[in-house]
Amino acid sequence: MKNIIVGQSGGPTAVINSSVAGVYLAAKEIGSDHIYGMVHGIEGFLKGEFIDLKEELDDEKVELLKRTPSAYLGSCRYKLPKFEEAKDVYEKIFVKLDELDIEYFFYIGGNDSMDTIKMLSDYAKENGKKQKFVGIPKTIDNDLPITDHCPGYGSAAKYIATSIKEIIRDNASFGVEKPTVCIVEIMGRHAGWLTAAAALAKGDDCEGVDAIYLPEDTFDLEEFKNRIKKLAEEKNSVVIAISEGIATSDGKFVCELGDSNKSVDAFGHKQLSGAAVTLADIIHNETGLKTRAIEFSTLQRAATHLASLTDIEEAIKVGYEAVMAANRGVTGEMVVMLREENKEYKINYSLYDIHDIANIEKKIPSNMIDSENKQLTEDYIKYAKPLIMGELTPIYTNGLPTHLIRK
């Protein structure tokens, strides 16, 4: 029978649904009678909310699914409690799994989602449960360890670099005596992978951003102001990319300089936004320069119309490989992508112990960061460029991309 269930968790991406497609295709291949999807992740599953993808999908809809942003199944930010704190929650999950005769459990997500896989697989092992648990990587933050990169990052990077190019052209349109200083805020709490993608905008047809501020480096407000003043003397357009998570030496997020009352999510993460507005206000008030703040926010994770074909294909593959791994008896591991060390870009797929992945954050290595000039090095460019390659044309209806919506 080999019934399976798959869920999506955390922030959506432009290709997270492609991983659902990969799971679906592989489950059909191994002959699963039922291919269940949790509606709103493990939180929805605890409420008995799920669908059978065999009844929802067919080959035509799978093609549309690959072109649909956000989480088709619905996502959540539910933090699974420790077993010692909530034994009843685990018992409820496994009762439901047994009722549906589910053998394989897959969760598509980032650091916190992999923690869910870790805890459920540990519980299953300790209590003699039959279910296998495999993690499927997903995060635009690109901060899961071991794997070369994460599905979702390439498409977000493609969107960021494209939008940065357009912003640079727009900002340079007005030849005035005093330049407009445009500060672009990009997602990234402690790891600056997304903001680093602004470096990809530079090319023969684009001068690139003037500076990139990453959370890997301590933010110095005086250095920032001096850099802006100097650029404003030399140029008629200044464009700066910053991460939402840049912080001062005392650990205070820059966005908190303007508003210290920030809420937190279910995992205790502060809700970050407003760093660009804060810095734009500071620069305008101290220099009189015209400033503009732009925050990409959810746009950078929802732009499936600009998704990387490489990213889509890899997202499908990690979903597919997860099912095949569980069918071989693998549990308590995550699918990882390993890049071959040669001139041509090539990825191999493997499995890795979830205990060495869950709740561990991978930051940009120092060899990719030019801290002095506030730029990324050629090592980063070589790393990231292959991830943004290729396109998948949307299917249009009435002039707009068509999305697949759950029944």
Foldseek 3Di string as FASTA:
>chain_A
DQEEEEEEADWWFLALLLLVLLLVVLCVVVPHPFYKYQQAGLVSVLVVHIDTVVVVDDPVVSLQSRLATDDQSHHYHDQDDACVVCVPSLVSNVVSCVVVVHAEYEYEEAQRRLVVQQRNLVVCVVPVHRHFYEYEYDDLQQWWPPFLGGQRVLFLLLVLLVVLQVVQVVQQPDQDLFGEEEEEEEEDAQAFSNQQSQQVNDDPSGPGAQFEETNPDADDLVVVLVSVVVVRVVDNYHYYYYYLRHHHPVRHGQQVVVPVDFDADPVRHTDTDRNQVSSQVVNCVVPVGHYHYHYCPCVSRRPSQQGAPLSSVVSSVQSNVRNVCVVVVHHQWYKHWDFDPDDDTDTDIDIDHSVVTHPGTHHDDPQQADVVSNHGDVVVVSSNVVSNHHHDHADDDPRHGDHDHGD
